[in-house]
């Protein structure tokens, strides 16, 4: 099998519209599951891979289960989220739980979608 030089590899990647870059300075990535569990990846090495305008992230790091944090969410916060974003009650509650009750973050997250 013929060895490919780094220059040739870059040329092939460009031709295939494939771009890879490392995303620096990430300390932690957290996955939030629907059942309330959380998994954190500490000190991850994150690589952003773009192929024909579609982006994928590869994450390598130390995995650690985290306990789900149960927070009190009041009716007023739920109503504010529903009024500001137009989402239903269940979605408002889910996003408030995901953002640990942070109203501003919840609204920004919903408006981004």
Protein backbone atom coordinates (compact mmCIF):
# COMPACT_ATOMS: atom_id res chain seq x y z
CA UNK A 1 0.00 0.00 0.00
CA UNK A 2 1.36 3.41 -1.00
CA UNK A 3 2.03 5.90 1.80
CA UNK A 4 0.36 9.29 1.49
CA UNK A 5 2.32 12.41 2.35
CA UNK A 6 0.71 15.04 4.57
CA UNK A 7 0.63 17.40 1.60
CA UNK A 8 -1.23 14.84 -0.53
CA UNK A 9 -3.60 14.11 2.35
CA UNK A 10 -4.45 17.82 2.65
CA UNK A 11 -5.06 17.98 -1.10
CA UNK A 12 -7.36 14.93 -0.95
CA UNK A 13 -9.25 16.38 2.02
CA UNK A 14 -9.75 19.67 0.19
CA UNK A 15 -11.00 17.85 -2.90
CA UNK A 16 -13.46 15.86 -0.76
CA UNK A 17 -14.58 19.12 0.91
CA UNK A 18 -13.42 17.76 4.26
CA UNK A 19 -12.12 20.15 6.91
CA UNK A 20 -10.84 19.16 10.37
CA UNK A 21 -9.85 21.45 13.20
CA UNK A 22 -9.32 21.08 16.92
CA UNK A 23 -11.61 23.18 19.13
CA UNK A 24 -9.41 24.62 21.91
CA UNK A 25 -10.05 25.62 25.54
CA UNK A 26 -12.99 23.34 26.39
CA UNK A 27 -12.94 22.22 30.02
CA UNK A 28 -16.09 20.11 30.20
CA UNK A 29 -18.92 18.79 28.03
CA UNK A 30 -22.12 17.57 29.66
CA UNK A 31 -24.73 15.27 28.13
CA UNK A 32 -28.23 15.67 29.62
CA UNK A 33 -30.45 12.59 29.21
CA UNK A 34 -34.24 12.67 29.17
CA UNK A 35 -34.41 10.58 32.36
CA UNK A 36 -32.40 13.21 34.27
CA UNK A 37 -29.01 11.49 34.17
CA UNK A 38 -25.95 13.47 33.18
CA UNK A 39 -22.60 12.37 31.83
CA UNK A 40 -19.67 14.76 31.80
CA UNK A 41 -16.52 14.59 29.72
CA UNK A 42 -13.66 16.39 31.47
CA UNK A 43 -10.66 17.87 29.67
CA UNK A 44 -12.01 16.80 26.28
CA UNK A 45 -10.13 16.88 23.04
CA UNK A 46 -12.74 18.12 20.58
CA UNK A 47 -12.29 17.86 16.84
CA UNK A 48 -14.70 19.63 14.50
CA UNK A 49 -15.08 17.78 11.21
CA UNK A 50 -16.92 19.43 8.31
CA UNK A 51 -17.77 17.39 5.24
CA UNK A 52 -19.79 19.05 2.48
CA UNK A 53 -21.40 21.63 4.81
CA UNK A 54 -22.28 19.05 7.46
CA UNK A 55 -20.47 19.35 10.80
CA UNK A 56 -19.64 16.54 13.23
CA UNK A 57 -17.83 16.81 16.54
CA UNK A 58 -15.55 14.07 17.84
CA UNK A 59 -15.01 14.13 21.61
CA UNK A 60 -12.30 12.24 23.48
CA UNK A 61 -11.84 12.59 27.23
CA UNK A 62 -12.47 11.32 30.75
CA UNK A 63 -16.11 10.26 31.22
CA UNK A 64 -17.79 10.66 34.59
CA UNK A 65 -21.41 10.12 35.63
CA UNK A 66 -22.91 13.07 37.46
CA UNK A 67 -25.87 13.06 39.75
CA UNK A 68 -28.90 14.85 38.39
CA UNK A 69 -29.53 18.10 40.18
CA UNK A 70 -33.16 18.52 41.18
CA UNK A 71 -34.18 22.15 41.34
CA UNK A 72 -37.39 23.82 42.36
CA UNK A 73 -39.12 25.49 39.43
CA UNK A 74 -41.91 27.88 40.27
CA UNK A 75 -45.02 28.60 38.22
CA UNK A 76 -43.99 32.17 37.52
CA UNK A 77 -40.76 31.04 35.82
CA UNK A 78 -42.66 28.50 33.72
CA UNK A 79 -45.16 31.15 32.64
CA UNK A 80 -42.41 33.63 31.75
CA UNK A 81 -40.71 31.04 29.52
CA UNK A 82 -44.02 30.16 27.85
CA UNK A 83 -44.88 33.84 27.24
CA UNK A 84 -41.44 34.82 25.96
CA UNK A 85 -40.88 31.85 23.64
CA UNK A 86 -44.33 30.46 22.78
CA UNK A 87 -43.47 26.92 23.89
CA UNK A 88 -45.80 24.59 25.78
CA UNK A 89 -45.60 23.95 29.53
CA UNK A 90 -43.71 20.64 29.27
CA UNK A 91 -41.02 22.19 27.06
CA UNK A 92 -40.68 25.18 29.39
CA UNK A 93 -40.17 22.86 32.38
CA UNK A 94 -37.67 20.67 30.52
CA UNK A 95 -35.56 23.65 29.44
CA UNK A 96 -35.65 25.20 32.93
CA UNK A 97 -34.44 21.90 34.37
CA UNK A 98 -31.72 21.65 31.74
CA UNK A 99 -30.48 25.18 32.53
CA UNK A 100 -30.76 24.69 36.31
CA UNK A 101 -33.53 27.28 36.52
CA UNK A 102 -31.64 30.05 34.68
CA UNK A 103 -34.42 32.04 32.96
CA UNK A 104 -32.16 34.02 30.64
CA UNK A 105 -30.27 30.93 29.46
CA UNK A 106 -33.52 29.01 28.95
CA UNK A 107 -35.04 31.80 26.85
CA UNK A 108 -31.87 32.21 24.77
CA UNK A 109 -31.69 28.46 24.20
CA UNK A 110 -35.30 28.28 23.01
CA UNK A 111 -35.03 31.35 20.80
CA UNK A 112 -31.88 29.93 19.19
CA UNK A 113 -33.83 26.86 18.01
